[in-house]
Amino acid sequence: MTFSPPPQTSDKSASPSELIDPFGRHVSYLRVSVTDRCDFRCVYCMSEHMSFLPKKDLLTLEELDRLCSAFISKGVRKLRITGGEPLVRKNILSLFKSLSRHLETGRLEEVTLTTNGSQLAKFAGDLRAAGVRRINVSVDTLDPVKFKAITRWGDLGNVLDGIKAAQREGLAIKINAVALKDVNEHEIDDLIRFAHGEGHDLTLIETMPLGDIEGDRTDQYLPLSVVRARLLDKWTLEDIPFRTGGPARYVTVRETGGRLGFITPLTHNFCESCNRVRVTCTGTLFMCLGQEDAADLRAPLRASPDNGLLFEAIDEAILRKPKGHDFVIDRRAQKPAVGRHMSMTGG
């Protein structure tokens, strides 16, 4: 069952106020998780035996549309759909199609997607038709055996086929790779050659202390400052001002001409210019990925057919957005800095 976008009516509860946090940062970028489920079980993200939320706890597609639209009316210009794996949610294309009306009016600059690539071969054309022009695909290794080990359930061939399908549809593709000590740290050069050889950007990400994954993250943690120093032995990295709206800081690799991004929540705090908030698939708004403070948007969303209560809850939450996160990798802590899994918050 799909749904149609709501009629364009005048909402007397609509608030024109934009989202400005206590530190003067304009919140213009919303990341929305549409499901906590995934068809992979990546070792740095999930436990192998995950317990997922009951359907009644998740926002419906209609509620997700209304929630995103409320943020757009308050000045959000960029929207990223995440999961879990967003493309495993039933009828998810109807949400993309509905949200595309905001692209047509110009109120929204872009709708993007973060995916593991497993379903891309099936959905690439429909995503393009729904207004998506840019996607992020997670590929931590080009070794099929190692890929299976990292994702537990994934098939590298399916992901690469999906990337090719997206490429044929004209989607701009950024490859995301989590840098993992003693796992893929010696494959970064190969990932650069692969991504840039296909015309894709590549972004490297430090592992983040989110959720219990049945293991010690300090064994996985590889500072990107170390990675960058190693890369300088082979490549010429030139800093550039390029930004996509997210936390990555980019360089150009002179030898390939391609862009290489670094997301460094631990070795270099990226909070000073944070313009982002995240909403989970249950309607919980996290003002910071690295802190537990959150606001329930599901209750006001379901309490009234207009957006008055919802706007009030959003405004109050943004006034609590912190200056920075609490991420730390510490062997003494013996627990993640934040208890929830990345699959719940959205990548």
C-alpha atoms as a PDB file:
ATOM      1  CA  MET A   1       0.000   0.000   0.000  1.00  0.00           C
ATOM      2  CA  THR A   2       1.373   3.397  -0.989  1.00  0.00           C
ATOM      3  CA  PHE A   3       0.251   6.870  -0.038  1.00  0.00           C
ATOM      4  CA  SER A   4      -0.267  10.185  -1.739  1.00  0.00           C
ATOM      5  CA  PRO A   5       1.209  13.471  -0.535  1.00  0.00           C
ATOM      6  CA  PRO A   6      -1.152  15.533   1.615  1.00  0.00           C
ATOM      7  CA  PRO A   7      -3.111  18.283  -0.134  1.00  0.00           C
ATOM      8  CA  GLN A   8      -1.494  21.712  -0.225  1.00  0.00           C
ATOM      9  CA  THR A   9      -3.641  23.479   2.342  1.00  0.00           C
ATOM     10  CA  SER A  10      -2.974  26.481   4.532  1.00  0.00           C
ATOM     11  CA  ASP A  11      -1.838  25.320   7.975  1.00  0.00           C
ATOM     12  CA  LYS A  12      -2.719  27.952  10.568  1.00  0.00           C
ATOM     13  CA  SER A  13      -0.266  26.311  12.961  1.00  0.00           C
ATOM     14  CA  ALA A  14       2.640  26.718  10.546  1.00  0.00           C
ATOM     15  CA  SER A  15       5.596  28.520  12.031  1.00  0.00           C
ATOM     16  CA  PRO A  16       7.899  30.598   9.821  1.00  0.00           C
ATOM     17  CA  SER A  17      10.684  30.577  12.411  1.00  0.00           C
ATOM     18  CA  GLU A  18      13.897  28.923  11.291  1.00  0.00           C
ATOM     19  CA  LEU A  19      15.909  26.549  13.450  1.00  0.00           C
ATOM     20  CA  ILE A  20      18.746  28.399  15.184  1.00  0.00           C
ATOM     21  CA  ASP A  21      20.528  26.632  18.046  1.00  0.00           C
ATOM     22  CA  PRO A  22      21.943  28.333  21.177  1.00  0.00           C
ATOM     23  CA  PHE A  23      25.311  28.788  19.447  1.00  0.00           C
ATOM     24  CA  GLY A  24      23.910  30.578  16.426  1.00  0.00           C
ATOM     25  CA  ARG A  25      24.149  27.580  14.090  1.00  0.00           C
ATOM     26  CA  HIS A  26      21.375  27.325  11.519  1.00  0.00           C
ATOM     27  CA  VAL A  27      19.970  23.795  11.368  1.00  0.00           C
ATOM     28  CA  SER A  28      19.352  23.250   7.668  1.00  0.00           C
ATOM     29  CA  TYR A  29      20.144  19.538   7.286  1.00  0.00           C
ATOM     30  CA  LEU A  30      17.936  16.691   8.521  1.00  0.00           C
ATOM     31  CA  ARG A  31      18.878  13.028   8.515  1.00  0.00           C
ATOM     32  CA  VAL A  32      15.922  10.678   8.912  1.00  0.00           C
ATOM     33  CA  SER A  33      16.108   6.973   9.651  1.00  0.00           C
ATOM     34  CA  VAL A  34      13.140   5.177   8.097  1.00  0.00           C
ATOM     35  CA  THR A  35      13.910   1.774   9.642  1.00  0.00           C
ATOM     36  CA  ASP A  36      16.223   0.191  12.192  1.00  0.00           C
ATOM     37  CA  ARG A  37      16.355  -2.991  10.098  1.00  0.00           C
ATOM     38  CA  CYS A  38      19.162  -3.935   7.749  1.00  0.00           C
ATOM     39  CA  ASP A  39      20.049  -6.882   5.550  1.00  0.00           C
ATOM     40  CA  PHE A  40      23.705  -6.641   6.703  1.00  0.00           C
ATOM     41  CA  ARG A  41      25.148  -6.977  10.192  1.00  0.00           C
ATOM     42  CA  CYS A  42      28.340  -4.903   9.923  1.00  0.00           C
ATOM     43  CA  VAL A  43      30.699  -5.657  12.780  1.00  0.00           C
ATOM     44  CA  TYR A  44      31.221  -2.005  13.758  1.00  0.00           C
ATOM     45  CA  CYS A  45      27.506  -1.153  13.604  1.00  0.00           C
ATOM     46  CA  MET A  46      25.383  -4.057  14.835  1.00  0.00           C
ATOM     47  CA  SER A  47      25.362  -7.112  16.975  1.00  0.00           C
ATOM     48  CA  GLU A  48      24.977 -10.270  14.894  1.00  0.00           C
ATOM     49  CA  HIS A  49      21.762 -11.137  16.703  1.00  0.00           C
ATOM     50  CA  MET A  50      19.866  -7.862  16.736  1.00  0.00           C
ATOM     51  CA  SER A  51      16.442  -7.293  18.254  1.00  0.00           C
ATOM     52  CA  PHE A  52      14.447  -4.923  16.078  1.00  0.00           C
ATOM     53  CA  LEU A  53      11.565  -2.648  16.975  1.00  0.00           C
ATOM     54  CA  PRO A  54       7.930  -3.745  16.616  1.00  0.00           C
ATOM     55  CA  LYS A  55       6.099  -2.176  13.684  1.00  0.00           C
ATOM     56  CA  LYS A  56       3.759  -0.172  15.921  1.00  0.00           C
ATOM     57  CA  ASP A  57       6.719   1.800  17.300  1.00  0.00           C
ATOM     58  CA  LEU A  58       7.827   2.986  13.873  1.00  0.00           C
ATOM     59  CA  LEU A  59       6.487   6.084  12.197  1.00  0.00           C
ATOM     60  CA  THR A  60       4.303   5.276   9.217  1.00  0.00           C
ATOM     61  CA  LEU A  61       5.375   6.532   5.811  1.00  0.00           C
ATOM     62  CA  GLU A  62       2.645   9.184   6.050  1.00  0.00           C
ATOM     63  CA  GLU A  63       4.022  10.315   9.420  1.00  0.00           C
ATOM     64  CA  LEU A  64       7.567  10.404   8.061  1.00  0.00           C
ATOM     65  CA  ASP A  65       6.383  12.580   5.193  1.00  0.00           C
ATOM     66  CA  ARG A  66       4.595  14.959   7.558  1.00  0.00           C
ATOM     67  CA  LEU A  67       7.575  15.143   9.895  1.00  0.00           C
ATOM     68  CA  CYS A  68      10.044  15.876   7.090  1.00  0.00           C
ATOM     69  CA  SER A  69       7.674  18.469   5.645  1.00  0.00           C
ATOM     70  CA  ALA A  70       7.428  20.207   9.026  1.00  0.00           C
ATOM     71  CA  PHE A  71      11.213  20.535   9.181  1.00  0.00           C
ATOM     72  CA  ILE A  72      11.297  21.790   5.592  1.00  0.00           C
ATOM     73  CA  SER A  73       8.758  24.486   6.482  1.00  0.00           C
ATOM     74  CA  LYS A  74      11.169  25.569   9.217  1.00  0.00           C
ATOM     75  CA  GLY A  75      14.145  26.000   6.937  1.00  0.00           C
ATOM     76  CA  VAL A  76      15.655  22.546   6.404  1.00  0.00           C
ATOM     77  CA  ARG A  77      17.109  22.566   2.879  1.00  0.00           C
ATOM     78  CA  LYS A  78      18.817  19.179   2.711  1.00  0.00           C
ATOM     79  CA  LEU A  79      17.248  15.859   3.617  1.00  0.00           C
ATOM     80  CA  ARG A  80      19.052  12.530   3.862  1.00  0.00           C
ATOM     81  CA  ILE A  81      17.135   9.261   4.140  1.00  0.00           C
ATOM     82  CA  THR A  82      18.992   6.607   6.152  1.00  0.00           C
ATOM     83  CA  GLY A  83      18.391   3.429   8.137  1.00  0.00           C
ATOM     84  CA  GLY A  84      19.351   0.694   9.010  1.00  0.00           C
ATOM     85  CA  GLU A  85      19.113   0.025   5.325  1.00  0.00           C
ATOM     86  CA  PRO A  86      16.371   2.354   4.047  1.00  0.00           C
ATOM     87  CA  LEU A  87      15.659   0.398   0.874  1.00  0.00           C
ATOM     88  CA  VAL A  88      14.489  -2.668   2.825  1.00  0.00           C
ATOM     89  CA  ARG A  89      11.498  -0.733   4.169  1.00  0.00           C
ATOM     90  CA  LYS A  90       8.322  -1.795   2.365  1.00  0.00           C
ATOM     91  CA  ASN A  91       6.987   0.794  -0.112  1.00  0.00           C
ATOM     92  CA  ILE A  92       9.817   3.208   0.682  1.00  0.00           C
ATOM     93  CA  LEU A  93       9.751   4.562  -2.882  1.00  0.00           C
ATOM     94  CA  SER A  94       6.367   6.138  -2.199  1.00  0.00           C
ATOM     95  CA  LEU A  95       7.992   8.302   0.480  1.00  0.00           C
ATOM     96  CA  PHE A  96      10.682   9.485  -1.938  1.00  0.00           C
ATOM     97  CA  LYS A  97       8.039  10.248  -4.554  1.00  0.00           C
ATOM     98  CA  SER A  98       5.949  12.213  -2.080  1.00  0.00           C
ATOM     99  CA  LEU A  99       8.887  14.241  -0.766  1.00  0.00           C
ATOM    100  CA  SER A 100       9.872  15.154  -4.312  1.00  0.00           C
ATOM    101  CA  ARG A 101       7.108  17.786  -4.308  1.00  0.00           C
ATOM    102  CA  HIS A 102       9.352  19.927  -2.094  1.00  0.00           C
ATOM    103  CA  LEU A 103      12.113  19.680  -4.690  1.00  0.00           C
ATOM    104  CA  GLU A 104       9.681  20.821  -7.359  1.00  0.00           C
ATOM    105  CA  THR A 105       8.669  23.889  -5.340  1.00  0.00           C
ATOM    106  CA  GLY A 106      12.294  24.728  -4.549  1.00  0.00           C
ATOM    107  CA  ARG A 107      11.751  24.624  -0.788  1.00  0.00           C
ATOM    108  CA  LEU A 108      14.155  21.681  -0.596  1.00  0.00           C
ATOM    109  CA  GLU A 109      17.542  21.624  -2.315  1.00  0.00           C
ATOM    110  CA  GLU A 110      18.055  17.873  -2.335  1.00  0.00           C
ATOM    111  CA  VAL A 111      16.944  14.504  -1.053  1.00  0.00           C
ATOM    112  CA  THR A 112      19.840  12.092  -0.696  1.00  0.00           C
ATOM    113  CA  LEU A 113      20.241   8.515   0.447  1.00  0.00           C
ATOM    114  CA  THR A 114      22.747   6.502   2.460  1.00  0.00           C
ATOM    115  CA  THR A 115      22.629   2.803   1.571  1.00  0.00           C
ATOM    116  CA  ASN A 116      24.646  -0.385   1.809  1.00  0.00           C
ATOM    117  CA  GLY A 117      23.996  -0.878  -1.913  1.00  0.00           C
ATOM    118  CA  SER A 118      22.356  -4.284  -1.632  1.00  0.00           C
ATOM    119  CA  GLN A 119      19.072  -3.085  -3.184  1.00  0.00           C
ATOM    120  CA  LEU A 120      20.437  -0.450  -5.559  1.00  0.00           C
ATOM    121  CA  ALA A 121      20.255  -2.574  -8.702  1.00  0.00           C
ATOM    122  CA  LYS A 122      16.496  -2.820  -8.102  1.00  0.00           C
ATOM    123  CA  PHE A 123      15.784   0.767  -7.058  1.00  0.00           C
ATOM    124  CA  ALA A 124      18.316   3.030  -8.829  1.00  0.00           C
ATOM    125  CA  GLY A 125      15.985   4.042 -11.657  1.00  0.00           C
ATOM    126  CA  ASP A 126      13.052   4.736  -9.353  1.00  0.00           C
ATOM    127  CA  LEU A 127      15.227   6.817  -7.042  1.00  0.00           C
ATOM    128  CA  ARG A 128      16.336   8.940  -9.979  1.00  0.00           C
ATOM    129  CA  ALA A 129      12.720   9.376 -11.084  1.00  0.00           C
ATOM    130  CA  ALA A 130      11.799  10.496  -7.551  1.00  0.00           C
ATOM    131  CA  GLY A 131      14.344  13.316  -7.614  1.00  0.00           C
ATOM    132  CA  VAL A 132      17.334  11.716  -5.902  1.00  0.00           C
ATOM    133  CA  ARG A 133      20.552  12.853  -7.565  1.00  0.00           C
ATOM    134  CA  ARG A 134      23.224  11.882  -5.050  1.00  0.00           C
ATOM    135  CA  ILE A 135      23.768   8.790  -2.877  1.00  0.00           C
ATOM    136  CA  ASN A 136      26.307   7.439  -0.404  1.00  0.00           C
ATOM    137  CA  VAL A 137      27.197   3.746  -0.595  1.00  0.00           C
ATOM    138  CA  SER A 138      29.131   1.922   2.126  1.00  0.00           C
ATOM    139  CA  VAL A 139      32.036  -0.189   0.840  1.00  0.00           C
ATOM    140  CA  ASP A 140      34.740  -0.944   3.405  1.00  0.00           C
ATOM    141  CA  THR A 141      36.756  -3.400   1.319  1.00  0.00           C
ATOM    142  CA  LEU A 142      37.042  -4.682  -2.239  1.00  0.00           C
ATOM    143  CA  ASP A 143      37.952  -8.177  -1.040  1.00  0.00           C
ATOM    144  CA  PRO A 144      34.780 -10.339  -1.346  1.00  0.00           C
ATOM    145  CA  VAL A 145      35.791 -12.640   1.508  1.00  0.00           C
ATOM    146  CA  LYS A 146      36.657  -9.775   3.820  1.00  0.00           C
ATOM    147  CA  PHE A 147      33.490  -7.930   2.774  1.00  0.00           C
ATOM    148  CA  LYS A 148      31.465 -10.937   3.857  1.00  0.00           C
ATOM    149  CA  ALA A 149      33.325 -11.022   7.170  1.00  0.00           C
ATOM    150  CA  ILE A 150      32.781  -7.304   7.863  1.00  0.00           C
ATOM    151  CA  THR A 151      29.098  -7.274   6.861  1.00  0.00           C
ATOM    152  CA  ARG A 152      28.405 -10.847   8.016  1.00  0.00           C
ATOM    153  CA  TRP A 153      25.551 -11.188   5.500  1.00  0.00           C
ATOM    154  CA  GLY A 154      26.617  -8.994   2.578  1.00  0.00           C
ATOM    155  CA  ASP A 155      27.663  -9.885  -0.963  1.00  0.00           C
ATOM    156  CA  LEU A 156      30.188  -7.526  -2.563  1.00  0.00           C
ATOM    157  CA  GLY A 157      29.120  -8.508  -6.069  1.00  0.00           C
ATOM    158  CA  ASN A 158      25.538  -7.365  -5.431  1.00  0.00           C
ATOM    159  CA  VAL A 159      26.773  -4.042  -4.062  1.00  0.00           C
ATOM    160  CA  LEU A 160      29.069  -3.406  -7.027  1.00  0.00           C
ATOM    161  CA  ASP A 161      26.214  -4.270  -9.409  1.00  0.00           C
ATOM    162  CA  GLY A 162      24.066  -1.759  -7.553  1.00  0.00           C
ATOM    163  CA  ILE A 163      26.708   0.942  -7.850  1.00  0.00           C
ATOM    164  CA  LYS A 164      26.925   0.289 -11.593  1.00  0.00           C
ATOM    165  CA  ALA A 165      23.134   0.553 -11.893  1.00  0.00           C
ATOM    166  CA  ALA A 166      23.148   3.867 -10.028  1.00  0.00           C
ATOM    167  CA  GLN A 167      25.969   5.073 -12.238  1.00  0.00           C
ATOM    168  CA  ARG A 168      23.967   4.222 -15.367  1.00  0.00           C
ATOM    169  CA  GLU A 169      21.065   6.260 -14.003  1.00  0.00           C
ATOM    170  CA  GLY A 170      23.331   9.275 -13.633  1.00  0.00           C
ATOM    171  CA  LEU A 171      23.371   9.360  -9.837  1.00  0.00           C
ATOM    172  CA  ALA A 172      26.411  10.962  -8.218  1.00  0.00           C
ATOM    173  CA  ILE A 173      27.984   8.358  -5.949  1.00  0.00           C
ATOM    174  CA  LYS A 174      30.141   8.762  -2.879  1.00  0.00           C
ATOM    175  CA  ILE A 175      31.774   5.670  -1.444  1.00  0.00           C
ATOM    176  CA  ASN A 176      31.930   5.584   2.364  1.00  0.00           C
ATOM    177  CA  ALA A 177      34.528   3.393   4.085  1.00  0.00           C
ATOM    178  CA  VAL A 178      34.961   2.970   7.820  1.00  0.00           C
ATOM    179  CA  ALA A 179      38.680   2.728   8.611  1.00  0.00           C
ATOM    180  CA  LEU A 180      39.238  -0.391  10.739  1.00  0.00           C
ATOM    181  CA  LYS A 181      42.532  -1.266  12.362  1.00  0.00           C
ATOM    182  CA  ASP A 182      43.999  -4.591  11.184  1.00  0.00           C
ATOM    183  CA  VAL A 183      40.998  -5.067   8.864  1.00  0.00           C
ATOM    184  CA  ASN A 184      41.111  -2.678   5.921  1.00  0.00           C
ATOM    185  CA  GLU A 185      43.802  -0.182   6.903  1.00  0.00           C
ATOM    186  CA  HIS A 186      46.117  -1.435   4.161  1.00  0.00           C
ATOM    187  CA  GLU A 187      43.399  -1.252   1.489  1.00  0.00           C
ATOM    188  CA  ILE A 188      42.841   2.507   1.541  1.00  0.00           C
ATOM    189  CA  ASP A 189      45.023   2.978  -1.555  1.00  0.00           C
ATOM    190  CA  ASP A 190      42.958   0.391  -3.438  1.00  0.00           C
ATOM    191  CA  LEU A 191      39.719   2.091  -2.396  1.00  0.00           C
ATOM    192  CA  ILE A 192      41.053   5.433  -3.670  1.00  0.00           C
ATOM    193  CA  ARG A 193      41.987   3.888  -7.022  1.00  0.00           C
ATOM    194  CA  PHE A 194      38.614   2.149  -7.313  1.00  0.00           C
ATOM    195  CA  ALA A 195      36.453   5.123  -6.355  1.00  0.00           C
ATOM    196  CA  HIS A 196      38.338   7.738  -8.306  1.00  0.00           C
ATOM    197  CA  GLY A 197      38.757   5.411 -11.265  1.00  0.00           C
ATOM    198  CA  GLU A 198      34.957   5.172 -11.491  1.00  0.00           C
ATOM    199  CA  GLY A 199      34.464   8.908 -10.980  1.00  0.00           C
ATOM    200  CA  HIS A 200      33.198   8.599  -7.393  1.00  0.00           C
ATOM    201  CA  ASP A 201      34.209  10.537  -4.297  1.00  0.00           C
ATOM    202  CA  LEU A 202      35.546   8.512  -1.360  1.00  0.00           C
ATOM    203  CA  THR A 203      35.043   9.379   2.297  1.00  0.00           C
ATOM    204  CA  LEU A 204      36.898   7.682   5.135  1.00  0.00           C
ATOM    205  CA  ILE A 205      35.175   7.483   8.520  1.00  0.00           C
ATOM    206  CA  GLU A 206      36.520   6.812  11.995  1.00  0.00           C
ATOM    207  CA  THR A 207      34.633   4.115  13.861  1.00  0.00           C
ATOM    208  CA  MET A 208      32.224   5.690  16.351  1.00  0.00           C
ATOM    209  CA  PRO A 209      31.440   4.411  19.886  1.00  0.00           C
ATOM    210  CA  LEU A 210      27.733   3.746  19.365  1.00  0.00           C
ATOM    211  CA  GLY A 211      25.932   0.690  20.722  1.00  0.00           C
ATOM    212  CA  ASP A 212      27.029  -2.658  22.101  1.00  0.00           C
ATOM    213  CA  ILE A 213      28.470  -4.748  19.257  1.00  0.00           C
ATOM    214  CA  GLU A 214      29.746  -7.752  21.219  1.00  0.00           C
ATOM    215  CA  GLY A 215      33.339  -6.627  20.938  1.00  0.00           C
ATOM    216  CA  ASP A 216      35.918  -4.051  21.942  1.00  0.00           C
ATOM    217  CA  ARG A 217      35.869  -1.010  19.637  1.00  0.00           C
ATOM    218  CA  THR A 218      39.332  -0.018  20.773  1.00  0.00           C
ATOM    219  CA  ASP A 219      40.557  -2.993  18.741  1.00  0.00           C
ATOM    220  CA  GLN A 220      38.870  -1.522  15.641  1.00  0.00           C
ATOM    221  CA  TYR A 221      39.735   2.129  16.133  1.00  0.00           C
ATOM    222  CA  LEU A 222      42.114   3.603  13.577  1.00  0.00           C
ATOM    223  CA  PRO A 223      42.729   7.374  13.812  1.00  0.00           C
ATOM    224  CA  LEU A 224      42.365   9.042  10.440  1.00  0.00           C
ATOM    225  CA  SER A 225      45.296  11.264  11.349  1.00  0.00           C
ATOM    226  CA  VAL A 226      47.406   8.106  11.054  1.00  0.00           C
ATOM    227  CA  VAL A 227      45.716   7.127   7.787  1.00  0.00           C
ATOM    228  CA  ARG A 228      46.297  10.558   6.298  1.00  0.00           C
ATOM    229  CA  ALA A 229      49.967  10.527   7.281  1.00  0.00           C
ATOM    230  CA  ARG A 230      50.407   7.164   5.564  1.00  0.00           C
ATOM    231  CA  LEU A 231      48.624   8.366   2.437  1.00  0.00           C
ATOM    232  CA  LEU A 232      51.044  11.261   2.120  1.00  0.00           C
ATOM    233  CA  ASP A 233      53.796   8.731   1.425  1.00  0.00           C
ATOM    234  CA  LYS A 234      52.088   7.847  -1.886  1.00  0.00           C
ATOM    235  CA  TRP A 235      49.651  10.616  -2.741  1.00  0.00           C
ATOM    236  CA  THR A 236      49.589  14.405  -2.933  1.00  0.00           C
ATOM    237  CA  LEU A 237      46.640  15.657  -0.870  1.00  0.00           C
ATOM    238  CA  GLU A 238      45.483  19.212  -1.466  1.00  0.00           C
ATOM    239  CA  ASP A 239      42.947  20.776   0.932  1.00  0.00           C
ATOM    240  CA  ILE A 240      39.857  22.181  -0.764  1.00  0.00           C
ATOM    241  CA  PRO A 241      36.807  24.088   0.564  1.00  0.00           C
ATOM    242  CA  PHE A 242      34.314  21.607  -0.956  1.00  0.00           C
ATOM    243  CA  ARG A 243      31.362  20.740   1.331  1.00  0.00           C
ATOM    244  CA  THR A 244      28.258  18.602   0.870  1.00  0.00           C
ATOM    245  CA  GLY A 245      26.479  19.751   4.041  1.00  0.00           C
ATOM    246  CA  GLY A 246      27.839  16.926   6.162  1.00  0.00           C
ATOM    247  CA  PRO A 247      30.862  16.713   8.479  1.00  0.00           C
ATOM    248  CA  ALA A 248      33.457  15.514   5.941  1.00  0.00           C
ATOM    249  CA  ARG A 249      36.492  17.659   5.208  1.00  0.00           C
ATOM    250  CA  TYR A 250      37.811  17.111   1.682  1.00  0.00           C
ATOM    251  CA  VAL A 251      41.087  17.041  -0.178  1.00  0.00           C
ATOM    252  CA  THR A 252      41.857  16.511  -3.826  1.00  0.00           C
ATOM    253  CA  VAL A 253      44.216  13.654  -4.618  1.00  0.00           C
ATOM    254  CA  ARG A 254      46.427  15.253  -7.260  1.00  0.00           C
ATOM    255  CA  GLU A 255      47.409  11.958  -8.886  1.00  0.00           C
ATOM    256  CA  THR A 256      43.790  10.892  -9.504  1.00  0.00           C
ATOM    257  CA  GLY A 257      41.997  14.219  -9.611  1.00  0.00           C
ATOM    258  CA  GLY A 258      39.362  12.764  -7.287  1.00  0.00           C
ATOM    259  CA  ARG A 259      38.010  13.980  -3.970  1.00  0.00           C
ATOM    260  CA  LEU A 260      38.812  12.266  -0.684  1.00  0.00           C
ATOM    261  CA  GLY A 261      36.874  13.102   2.473  1.00  0.00           C
ATOM    262  CA  PHE A 262      37.696  12.534   6.137  1.00  0.00           C
ATOM    263  CA  ILE A 263      35.040  12.251   8.865  1.00  0.00           C
ATOM    264  CA  THR A 264      36.921  12.488  12.144  1.00  0.00           C
ATOM    265  CA  PRO A 265      34.621  12.682  15.183  1.00  0.00           C
ATOM    266  CA  LEU A 266      37.409  11.504  17.485  1.00  0.00           C
ATOM    267  CA  THR A 267      40.726  12.868  16.220  1.00  0.00           C
ATOM    268  CA  HIS A 268      39.201  16.181  15.108  1.00  0.00           C
ATOM    269  CA  ASN A 269      35.901  17.282  16.569  1.00  0.00           C
ATOM    270  CA  PHE A 270      33.636  18.431  13.715  1.00  0.00           C
ATOM    271  CA  CYS A 271      31.026  20.126  15.909  1.00  0.00           C
ATOM    272  CA  GLU A 272      31.842  23.798  15.503  1.00  0.00           C
ATOM    273  CA  SER A 273      29.914  24.106  12.257  1.00  0.00           C
ATOM    274  CA  CYS A 274      27.281  21.419  12.881  1.00  0.00           C
ATOM    275  CA  ASN A 275      24.074  22.189  10.978  1.00  0.00           C
ATOM    276  CA  ARG A 276      22.488  18.744  11.420  1.00  0.00           C
ATOM    277  CA  VAL A 277      19.929  16.926  13.514  1.00  0.00           C
ATOM    278  CA  ARG A 278      18.722  13.340  13.255  1.00  0.00           C
ATOM    279  CA  VAL A 279      15.312  11.733  13.632  1.00  0.00           C
ATOM    280  CA  THR A 280      14.977   8.016  14.262  1.00  0.00           C
ATOM    281  CA  CYS A 281      12.397   5.741  12.712  1.00  0.00           C
ATOM    282  CA  THR A 282      10.389   6.032  15.955  1.00  0.00           C
ATOM    283  CA  GLY A 283      10.238   9.823  15.761  1.00  0.00           C
ATOM    284  CA  THR A 284      12.933  10.547  18.330  1.00  0.00           C
ATOM    285  CA  LEU A 285      14.909  13.686  17.540  1.00  0.00           C
ATOM    286  CA  PHE A 286      18.589  13.601  18.467  1.00  0.00           C
ATOM    287  CA  MET A 287      20.156  17.027  18.409  1.00  0.00           C
ATOM    288  CA  CYS A 288      23.632  15.471  18.523  1.00  0.00           C
ATOM    289  CA  LEU A 289      24.807  12.064  17.279  1.00  0.00           C
ATOM    290  CA  GLY A 290      27.202  11.756  20.204  1.00  0.00           C
ATOM    291  CA  GLN A 291      24.869  12.580  23.095  1.00  0.00           C
ATOM    292  CA  GLU A 292      21.813  10.893  24.566  1.00  0.00           C
ATOM    293  CA  ASP A 293      19.602  13.976  24.977  1.00  0.00           C
ATOM    294  CA  ALA A 294      16.597  13.606  22.695  1.00  0.00           C
ATOM    295  CA  ALA A 295      13.052  14.797  22.083  1.00  0.00           C
ATOM    296  CA  ASP A 296       9.978  12.713  21.348  1.00  0.00           C
ATOM    297  CA  LEU A 297       8.292  13.962  18.172  1.00  0.00           C
ATOM    298  CA  ARG A 298       6.036  10.949  17.719  1.00  0.00           C
ATOM    299  CA  ALA A 299       3.707  11.951  20.571  1.00  0.00           C
ATOM    300  CA  PRO A 300       2.970  15.489  19.296  1.00  0.00           C
ATOM    301  CA  LEU A 301       2.810  14.165  15.737  1.00  0.00           C
ATOM    302  CA  ARG A 302       0.071  11.721  16.705  1.00  0.00           C
ATOM    303  CA  ALA A 303      -1.683  14.004  19.194  1.00  0.00           C
ATOM    304  CA  SER A 304      -3.015  16.478  16.650  1.00  0.00           C
ATOM    305  CA  PRO A 305      -3.724  16.608  12.913  1.00  0.00           C
ATOM    306  CA  ASP A 306      -2.118  20.052  12.668  1.00  0.00           C
ATOM    307  CA  ASN A 307       1.522  20.867  13.365  1.00  0.00           C
ATOM    308  CA  GLY A 308       1.252  23.245  16.302  1.00  0.00           C
ATOM    309  CA  LEU A 309       2.415  20.792  18.970  1.00  0.00           C
ATOM    310  CA  LEU A 310       5.012  19.344  16.618  1.00  0.00           C
ATOM    311  CA  PHE A 311       6.533  22.767  15.911  1.00  0.00           C
ATOM    312  CA  GLU A 312       6.658  23.505  19.636  1.00  0.00           C
ATOM    313  CA  ALA A 313       8.488  20.230  20.331  1.00  0.00           C
ATOM    314  CA  ILE A 314      11.001  20.855  17.534  1.00  0.00           C
ATOM    315  CA  ASP A 315      11.692  24.431  18.651  1.00  0.00           C
ATOM    316  CA  GLU A 316      12.207  23.398  22.267  1.00  0.00           C
ATOM    317  CA  ALA A 317      14.573  20.615  21.249  1.00  0.00           C
ATOM    318  CA  ILE A 318      16.730  22.817  19.015  1.00  0.00           C
ATOM    319  CA  LEU A 319      17.268  25.146  21.978  1.00  0.00           C
ATOM    320  CA  ARG A 320      18.936  22.183  23.715  1.00  0.00           C
ATOM    321  CA  LYS A 321      21.323  21.358  20.863  1.00  0.00           C
ATOM    322  CA  PRO A 322      24.761  21.053  22.522  1.00  0.00           C
ATOM    323  CA  LYS A 323      27.983  22.667  21.410  1.00  0.00           C
ATOM    324  CA  GLY A 324      29.660  19.307  20.806  1.00  0.00           C
ATOM    325  CA  HIS A 325      29.570  15.561  21.292  1.00  0.00           C
ATOM    326  CA  ASP A 326      30.957  13.238  23.951  1.00  0.00           C
ATOM    327  CA  PHE A 327      32.642  10.674  21.712  1.00  0.00           C
ATOM    328  CA  VAL A 328      35.710   9.033  23.176  1.00  0.00           C
ATOM    329  CA  ILE A 329      37.526   5.762  22.612  1.00  0.00           C
ATOM    330  CA  ASP A 330      38.735   4.630  26.010  1.00  0.00           C
ATOM    331  CA  ARG A 331      39.789   1.118  26.996  1.00  0.00           C
ATOM    332  CA  ARG A 332      38.939   1.891  30.623  1.00  0.00           C
ATOM    333  CA  ALA A 333      35.305   2.707  29.901  1.00  0.00           C
ATOM    334  CA  GLN A 334      34.406  -0.831  28.757  1.00  0.00           C
ATOM    335  CA  LYS A 335      31.185   0.466  27.209  1.00  0.00           C
ATOM    336  CA  PRO A 336      30.153   2.586  24.243  1.00  0.00           C
ATOM    337  CA  ALA A 337      29.951   6.350  24.730  1.00  0.00           C
ATOM    338  CA  VAL A 338      26.346   6.175  23.497  1.00  0.00           C
ATOM    339  CA  GLY A 339      24.190   3.122  24.101  1.00  0.00           C
ATOM    340  CA  ARG A 340      22.012   3.173  20.985  1.00  0.00           C
ATOM    341  CA  HIS A 341      23.179   1.538  17.738  1.00  0.00           C
ATOM    342  CA  MET A 342      23.939   3.585  14.627  1.00  0.00           C
ATOM    343  CA  SER A 343      21.238   1.577  12.853  1.00  0.00           C
ATOM    344  CA  MET A 344      18.672   3.129  15.197  1.00  0.00           C
ATOM    345  CA  THR A 345      19.864   6.723  14.864  1.00  0.00           C
ATOM    346  CA  GLY A 346      20.655   6.644  11.174  1.00  0.00           C
ATOM    347  CA  GLY A 347      24.022   6.843   9.446  1.00  0.00           C
END
